[in-house]
Amino acid sequence: MGMSAVEYDAELDPEKLERMIRESEVGKLYTFDTRHRRKDGSTFPVEVRLRPFLEGGRLFAVALARDITERLSTERALMESHSLLNSIIEGTSDAIFVKDLEGRYVMINPAGARSVGKAQAEVLGQDDHALFSADTVQKVLDDDRVAIQRDQPTTFEEVLTAAGQTRTYLATKGPLRDARGEVRGLIGIS
């Protein structure tokens, strides 16, 4: 009580506070992250939600500060996990792909795109008819259907012609599920 924001906000200096007050619009909600200071001098991250208002011709603000230490820790762990997964997907020589229920590629790694002689961007949104020769594409479509129907990862041998080259693949495919467990597509590694 009775403290100025600059006394407990480790990142707020008097000039910044003055500018914030000058530029604030009455009734507008401002949200920002900063660091608050504890009694012992240590700091912790907070999210501040601030709404200025006029009372008796004077500008005031009501603010809610929420400790976001756990949120930032979770975000950092998620970014590290995403970075690891991305490194694995991008760094392998195996084709890794995801298709939607219509058979269109929604994700393919560089190795997968190279195997069909295209850049990743050229594969996304395409289906197997656009990538493989007509005489070999039906086997892929049949295997996709079986993998989804079996509702578990299944391995197939596929002989495919793409970009003028015929290759034999060992493909493991399975259903792609959303957070509710519903099948939304197919994942595969060849």
C-alpha atoms as a PDB file:
ATOM      1  CA  MET A   1       0.000   0.000   0.000  1.00  0.00           C
ATOM      2  CA  GLY A   2       1.191   3.466  -0.796  1.00  0.00           C
ATOM      3  CA  MET A   3       4.123   2.280  -2.921  1.00  0.00           C
ATOM      4  CA  SER A   4       4.846   3.633  -6.371  1.00  0.00           C
ATOM      5  CA  ALA A   5       5.028   1.069  -9.176  1.00  0.00           C
ATOM      6  CA  VAL A   6       8.713   1.868  -9.685  1.00  0.00           C
ATOM      7  CA  GLU A   7       9.429   0.586  -6.158  1.00  0.00           C
ATOM      8  CA  TYR A   8       8.302  -2.992  -6.872  1.00  0.00           C
ATOM      9  CA  ASP A   9       8.529  -3.217 -10.674  1.00  0.00           C
ATOM     10  CA  ALA A  10      12.180  -4.053 -11.448  1.00  0.00           C
ATOM     11  CA  GLU A  11      11.861  -2.993 -15.098  1.00  0.00           C
ATOM     12  CA  LEU A  12       9.936   0.248 -14.662  1.00  0.00           C
ATOM     13  CA  ASP A  13      11.802   3.513 -14.321  1.00  0.00           C
ATOM     14  CA  PRO A  14      10.108   6.861 -13.474  1.00  0.00           C
ATOM     15  CA  GLU A  15      10.397   8.122 -17.079  1.00  0.00           C
ATOM     16  CA  LYS A  16       8.749   4.978 -18.458  1.00  0.00           C
ATOM     17  CA  LEU A  17       5.971   5.261 -15.848  1.00  0.00           C
ATOM     18  CA  GLU A  18       5.387   8.916 -16.753  1.00  0.00           C
ATOM     19  CA  ARG A  19       5.225   8.035 -20.470  1.00  0.00           C
ATOM     20  CA  MET A  20       2.782   5.184 -19.776  1.00  0.00           C
ATOM     21  CA  ILE A  21       0.515   7.536 -17.821  1.00  0.00           C
ATOM     22  CA  ARG A  22       0.674  10.219 -20.530  1.00  0.00           C
ATOM     23  CA  GLU A  23      -0.075   7.773 -23.355  1.00  0.00           C
ATOM     24  CA  SER A  24      -2.710   5.700 -21.595  1.00  0.00           C
ATOM     25  CA  GLU A  25      -6.311   5.817 -22.763  1.00  0.00           C
ATOM     26  CA  VAL A  26      -9.040   5.772 -20.160  1.00  0.00           C
ATOM     27  CA  GLY A  27     -10.851   2.434 -20.188  1.00  0.00           C
ATOM     28  CA  LYS A  28      -8.305   0.680 -22.426  1.00  0.00           C
ATOM     29  CA  LEU A  29      -6.874  -2.600 -21.126  1.00  0.00           C
ATOM     30  CA  TYR A  30      -3.083  -2.869 -21.241  1.00  0.00           C
ATOM     31  CA  THR A  31      -1.381  -6.254 -20.838  1.00  0.00           C
ATOM     32  CA  PHE A  32       2.371  -6.647 -20.536  1.00  0.00           C
ATOM     33  CA  ASP A  33       5.022  -8.841 -18.942  1.00  0.00           C
ATOM     34  CA  THR A  34       7.529  -7.430 -16.495  1.00  0.00           C
ATOM     35  CA  ARG A  35       9.446  -8.403 -13.346  1.00  0.00           C
ATOM     36  CA  HIS A  36       8.335  -7.548  -9.822  1.00  0.00           C
ATOM     37  CA  ARG A  37      10.598  -7.210  -6.818  1.00  0.00           C
ATOM     38  CA  ARG A  38      10.083  -9.144  -3.585  1.00  0.00           C
ATOM     39  CA  LYS A  39      10.870  -7.711  -0.139  1.00  0.00           C
ATOM     40  CA  ASP A  40      14.225  -9.544  -0.187  1.00  0.00           C
ATOM     41  CA  GLY A  41      15.172  -7.849  -3.493  1.00  0.00           C
ATOM     42  CA  SER A  42      14.820 -10.938  -5.694  1.00  0.00           C
ATOM     43  CA  THR A  43      12.621 -10.647  -8.769  1.00  0.00           C
ATOM     44  CA  PHE A  44      10.035 -12.852 -10.455  1.00  0.00           C
ATOM     45  CA  PRO A  45       8.157 -12.606 -13.785  1.00  0.00           C
ATOM     46  CA  VAL A  46       4.595 -11.279 -13.803  1.00  0.00           C
ATOM     47  CA  GLU A  47       1.899 -10.531 -16.326  1.00  0.00           C
ATOM     48  CA  VAL A  48       0.240  -7.187 -15.591  1.00  0.00           C
ATOM     49  CA  ARG A  49      -3.251  -6.283 -16.761  1.00  0.00           C
ATOM     50  CA  LEU A  50      -3.852  -2.587 -16.244  1.00  0.00           C
ATOM     51  CA  ARG A  51      -6.907  -0.435 -16.968  1.00  0.00           C
ATOM     52  CA  PRO A  52      -6.692   3.372 -16.470  1.00  0.00           C
ATOM     53  CA  PHE A  53      -9.752   5.290 -15.230  1.00  0.00           C
ATOM     54  CA  LEU A  54     -10.644   8.850 -14.235  1.00  0.00           C
ATOM     55  CA  GLU A  55     -11.854   9.660 -10.748  1.00  0.00           C
ATOM     56  CA  GLY A  56     -12.479  13.226  -9.680  1.00  0.00           C
ATOM     57  CA  GLY A  57     -10.554  14.499 -12.686  1.00  0.00           C
ATOM     58  CA  ARG A  58      -7.463  12.459 -11.775  1.00  0.00           C
ATOM     59  CA  LEU A  59      -6.075   9.513 -13.710  1.00  0.00           C
ATOM     60  CA  PHE A  60      -5.805   6.235 -11.794  1.00  0.00           C
ATOM     61  CA  ALA A  61      -5.339   2.648 -12.842  1.00  0.00           C
ATOM     62  CA  VAL A  62      -6.459  -0.674 -11.496  1.00  0.00           C
ATOM     63  CA  ALA A  63      -3.907  -3.422 -12.097  1.00  0.00           C
ATOM     64  CA  LEU A  64      -3.787  -7.161 -11.666  1.00  0.00           C
ATOM     65  CA  ALA A  65      -0.353  -8.781 -11.520  1.00  0.00           C
ATOM     66  CA  ARG A  66      -0.057 -12.540 -11.900  1.00  0.00           C
ATOM     67  CA  ASP A  67       3.083 -14.589 -11.228  1.00  0.00           C
ATOM     68  CA  ILE A  68       3.984 -16.317 -14.520  1.00  0.00           C
ATOM     69  CA  THR A  69       7.063 -18.237 -13.369  1.00  0.00           C
ATOM     70  CA  GLU A  70       5.378 -21.601 -13.981  1.00  0.00           C
ATOM     71  CA  ARG A  71       3.970 -20.520 -17.358  1.00  0.00           C
ATOM     72  CA  LEU A  72       7.383 -19.359 -18.588  1.00  0.00           C
ATOM     73  CA  SER A  73       8.981 -22.590 -17.372  1.00  0.00           C
ATOM     74  CA  THR A  74       6.343 -24.615 -19.234  1.00  0.00           C
ATOM     75  CA  GLU A  75       6.801 -22.516 -22.383  1.00  0.00           C
ATOM     76  CA  ARG A  76      10.573 -22.998 -22.221  1.00  0.00           C
ATOM     77  CA  ALA A  77      10.174 -26.785 -21.814  1.00  0.00           C
ATOM     78  CA  LEU A  78       7.722 -26.846 -24.730  1.00  0.00           C
ATOM     79  CA  MET A  79      10.133 -24.892 -26.945  1.00  0.00           C
ATOM     80  CA  GLU A  80      12.983 -27.249 -26.048  1.00  0.00           C
ATOM     81  CA  SER A  81      10.791 -30.269 -26.794  1.00  0.00           C
ATOM     82  CA  HIS A  82       9.696 -28.734 -30.104  1.00  0.00           C
ATOM     83  CA  SER A  83      13.319 -27.973 -30.997  1.00  0.00           C
ATOM     84  CA  LEU A  84      14.364 -31.564 -30.249  1.00  0.00           C
ATOM     85  CA  LEU A  85      11.498 -33.034 -32.278  1.00  0.00           C
ATOM     86  CA  ASN A  86      12.211 -30.648 -35.155  1.00  0.00           C
ATOM     87  CA  SER A  87      15.905 -31.599 -35.133  1.00  0.00           C
ATOM     88  CA  ILE A  88      15.006 -35.283 -35.342  1.00  0.00           C
ATOM     89  CA  ILE A  89      12.479 -34.782 -38.155  1.00  0.00           C
ATOM     90  CA  GLU A  90      14.728 -32.466 -40.158  1.00  0.00           C
ATOM     91  CA  GLY A  91      17.939 -34.424 -39.538  1.00  0.00           C
ATOM     92  CA  THR A  92      16.924 -37.950 -40.497  1.00  0.00           C
ATOM     93  CA  SER A  93      17.408 -39.527 -43.910  1.00  0.00           C
ATOM     94  CA  ASP A  94      14.001 -41.245 -43.577  1.00  0.00           C
ATOM     95  CA  ALA A  95      10.903 -39.675 -45.080  1.00  0.00           C
ATOM     96  CA  ILE A  96       8.546 -38.474 -42.335  1.00  0.00           C
ATOM     97  CA  PHE A  97       5.125 -37.243 -43.365  1.00  0.00           C
ATOM     98  CA  VAL A  98       1.595 -36.403 -42.218  1.00  0.00           C
ATOM     99  CA  LYS A  99      -1.503 -36.539 -44.416  1.00  0.00           C
ATOM    100  CA  ASP A 100      -5.022 -35.335 -43.709  1.00  0.00           C
ATOM    101  CA  LEU A 101      -8.030 -37.629 -44.177  1.00  0.00           C
ATOM    102  CA  GLU A 102      -8.277 -36.586 -47.836  1.00  0.00           C
ATOM    103  CA  GLY A 103      -4.711 -37.806 -48.408  1.00  0.00           C
ATOM    104  CA  ARG A 104      -3.154 -34.343 -48.776  1.00  0.00           C
ATOM    105  CA  TYR A 105       0.285 -33.809 -47.276  1.00  0.00           C
ATOM    106  CA  VAL A 106       0.162 -31.369 -44.364  1.00  0.00           C
ATOM    107  CA  MET A 107       3.773 -32.024 -43.276  1.00  0.00           C
ATOM    108  CA  ILE A 108       6.785 -33.626 -44.904  1.00  0.00           C
ATOM    109  CA  ASN A 109      10.433 -33.440 -43.909  1.00  0.00           C
ATOM    110  CA  PRO A 110      13.268 -32.556 -46.330  1.00  0.00           C
ATOM    111  CA  ALA A 111      14.181 -36.240 -46.878  1.00  0.00           C
ATOM    112  CA  GLY A 112      10.597 -37.037 -47.859  1.00  0.00           C
ATOM    113  CA  ALA A 113      10.423 -34.145 -50.277  1.00  0.00           C
ATOM    114  CA  ARG A 114      13.767 -35.127 -51.842  1.00  0.00           C
ATOM    115  CA  SER A 115      12.504 -38.690 -52.329  1.00  0.00           C
ATOM    116  CA  VAL A 116       9.813 -37.383 -54.680  1.00  0.00           C
ATOM    117  CA  GLY A 117      12.115 -34.842 -56.345  1.00  0.00           C
ATOM    118  CA  LYS A 118      10.398 -31.737 -54.976  1.00  0.00           C
ATOM    119  CA  ALA A 119      10.846 -29.004 -52.395  1.00  0.00           C
ATOM    120  CA  GLN A 120       8.806 -29.297 -49.194  1.00  0.00           C
ATOM    121  CA  ALA A 121       6.557 -26.384 -50.201  1.00  0.00           C
ATOM    122  CA  GLU A 122       5.723 -28.114 -53.485  1.00  0.00           C
ATOM    123  CA  VAL A 123       4.549 -31.273 -51.685  1.00  0.00           C
ATOM    124  CA  LEU A 124       2.339 -29.601 -49.072  1.00  0.00           C
ATOM    125  CA  GLY A 125      -1.317 -29.647 -50.072  1.00  0.00           C
ATOM    126  CA  GLN A 126      -0.684 -32.288 -52.754  1.00  0.00           C
ATOM    127  CA  ASP A 127      -1.910 -35.865 -52.684  1.00  0.00           C
ATOM    128  CA  ASP A 128      -0.123 -39.011 -53.867  1.00  0.00           C
ATOM    129  CA  HIS A 129      -1.621 -38.775 -57.365  1.00  0.00           C
ATOM    130  CA  ALA A 130       0.403 -35.593 -57.875  1.00  0.00           C
ATOM    131  CA  LEU A 131       3.642 -37.175 -56.621  1.00  0.00           C
ATOM    132  CA  PHE A 132       3.784 -40.799 -57.779  1.00  0.00           C
ATOM    133  CA  SER A 133       3.224 -42.488 -61.121  1.00  0.00           C
ATOM    134  CA  ALA A 134      -0.303 -43.710 -61.797  1.00  0.00           C
ATOM    135  CA  ASP A 135       0.762 -47.372 -61.896  1.00  0.00           C
ATOM    136  CA  THR A 136       2.240 -47.266 -58.349  1.00  0.00           C
ATOM    137  CA  VAL A 137      -0.008 -44.810 -56.470  1.00  0.00           C
ATOM    138  CA  GLN A 138      -2.898 -47.201 -55.718  1.00  0.00           C
ATOM    139  CA  LYS A 139      -0.712 -49.345 -53.421  1.00  0.00           C
ATOM    140  CA  VAL A 140       0.068 -46.273 -51.284  1.00  0.00           C
ATOM    141  CA  LEU A 141      -3.615 -45.352 -51.027  1.00  0.00           C
ATOM    142  CA  ASP A 142      -4.577 -48.918 -50.094  1.00  0.00           C
ATOM    143  CA  ASP A 143      -1.851 -49.063 -47.443  1.00  0.00           C
ATOM    144  CA  ASP A 144      -2.972 -45.721 -45.993  1.00  0.00           C
ATOM    145  CA  ARG A 145      -6.551 -46.983 -45.699  1.00  0.00           C
ATOM    146  CA  VAL A 146      -5.428 -50.251 -44.036  1.00  0.00           C
ATOM    147  CA  ALA A 147      -3.203 -48.392 -41.535  1.00  0.00           C
ATOM    148  CA  ILE A 148      -6.099 -46.172 -40.453  1.00  0.00           C
ATOM    149  CA  GLN A 149      -8.564 -49.100 -40.314  1.00  0.00           C
ATOM    150  CA  ARG A 150      -6.203 -51.226 -38.216  1.00  0.00           C
ATOM    151  CA  ASP A 151      -5.951 -48.312 -35.800  1.00  0.00           C
ATOM    152  CA  GLN A 152      -2.292 -49.010 -35.025  1.00  0.00           C
ATOM    153  CA  PRO A 153       1.094 -48.530 -36.680  1.00  0.00           C
ATOM    154  CA  THR A 154       1.497 -50.977 -39.553  1.00  0.00           C
ATOM    155  CA  THR A 155       4.516 -51.591 -41.792  1.00  0.00           C
ATOM    156  CA  PHE A 156       4.215 -52.039 -45.564  1.00  0.00           C
ATOM    157  CA  GLU A 157       6.617 -52.592 -48.454  1.00  0.00           C
ATOM    158  CA  GLU A 158       5.884 -50.115 -51.235  1.00  0.00           C
ATOM    159  CA  VAL A 159       7.467 -49.873 -54.695  1.00  0.00           C
ATOM    160  CA  LEU A 160       6.924 -46.327 -55.960  1.00  0.00           C
ATOM    161  CA  THR A 161       7.956 -44.298 -58.956  1.00  0.00           C
ATOM    162  CA  ALA A 162       8.460 -40.565 -58.422  1.00  0.00           C
ATOM    163  CA  ALA A 163      10.536 -38.043 -60.355  1.00  0.00           C
ATOM    164  CA  GLY A 164      11.482 -40.754 -62.851  1.00  0.00           C
ATOM    165  CA  GLN A 165      12.983 -43.108 -60.247  1.00  0.00           C
ATOM    166  CA  THR A 166      11.523 -46.347 -58.904  1.00  0.00           C
ATOM    167  CA  ARG A 167      12.382 -47.160 -55.311  1.00  0.00           C
ATOM    168  CA  THR A 168      11.323 -49.728 -52.749  1.00  0.00           C
ATOM    169  CA  TYR A 169      10.295 -48.344 -49.362  1.00  0.00           C
ATOM    170  CA  LEU A 170       9.587 -49.904 -46.009  1.00  0.00           C
ATOM    171  CA  ALA A 171       6.804 -47.623 -44.752  1.00  0.00           C
ATOM    172  CA  THR A 172       5.358 -47.601 -41.252  1.00  0.00           C
ATOM    173  CA  LYS A 173       2.032 -45.773 -41.082  1.00  0.00           C
ATOM    174  CA  GLY A 174      -0.575 -45.183 -38.441  1.00  0.00           C
ATOM    175  CA  PRO A 175      -3.526 -42.960 -37.574  1.00  0.00           C
ATOM    176  CA  LEU A 176      -2.958 -39.347 -36.553  1.00  0.00           C
ATOM    177  CA  ARG A 177      -5.203 -38.417 -33.631  1.00  0.00           C
ATOM    178  CA  ASP A 178      -6.226 -35.039 -32.270  1.00  0.00           C
ATOM    179  CA  ALA A 179      -6.340 -34.134 -28.571  1.00  0.00           C
ATOM    180  CA  ARG A 180      -9.763 -35.823 -28.215  1.00  0.00           C
ATOM    181  CA  GLY A 181      -8.466 -39.067 -29.728  1.00  0.00           C
ATOM    182  CA  GLU A 182     -10.307 -38.698 -33.028  1.00  0.00           C
ATOM    183  CA  VAL A 183      -8.496 -39.776 -36.204  1.00  0.00           C
ATOM    184  CA  ARG A 184      -7.571 -36.685 -38.222  1.00  0.00           C
ATOM    185  CA  GLY A 185      -5.163 -38.191 -40.708  1.00  0.00           C
ATOM    186  CA  LEU A 186      -2.167 -40.435 -41.168  1.00  0.00           C
ATOM    187  CA  ILE A 187       1.438 -40.290 -39.995  1.00  0.00           C
ATOM    188  CA  GLY A 188       4.215 -42.194 -41.656  1.00  0.00           C
ATOM    189  CA  ILE A 189       7.925 -42.910 -41.826  1.00  0.00           C
ATOM    190  CA  SER A 190       9.444 -44.481 -44.938  1.00  0.00           C
END
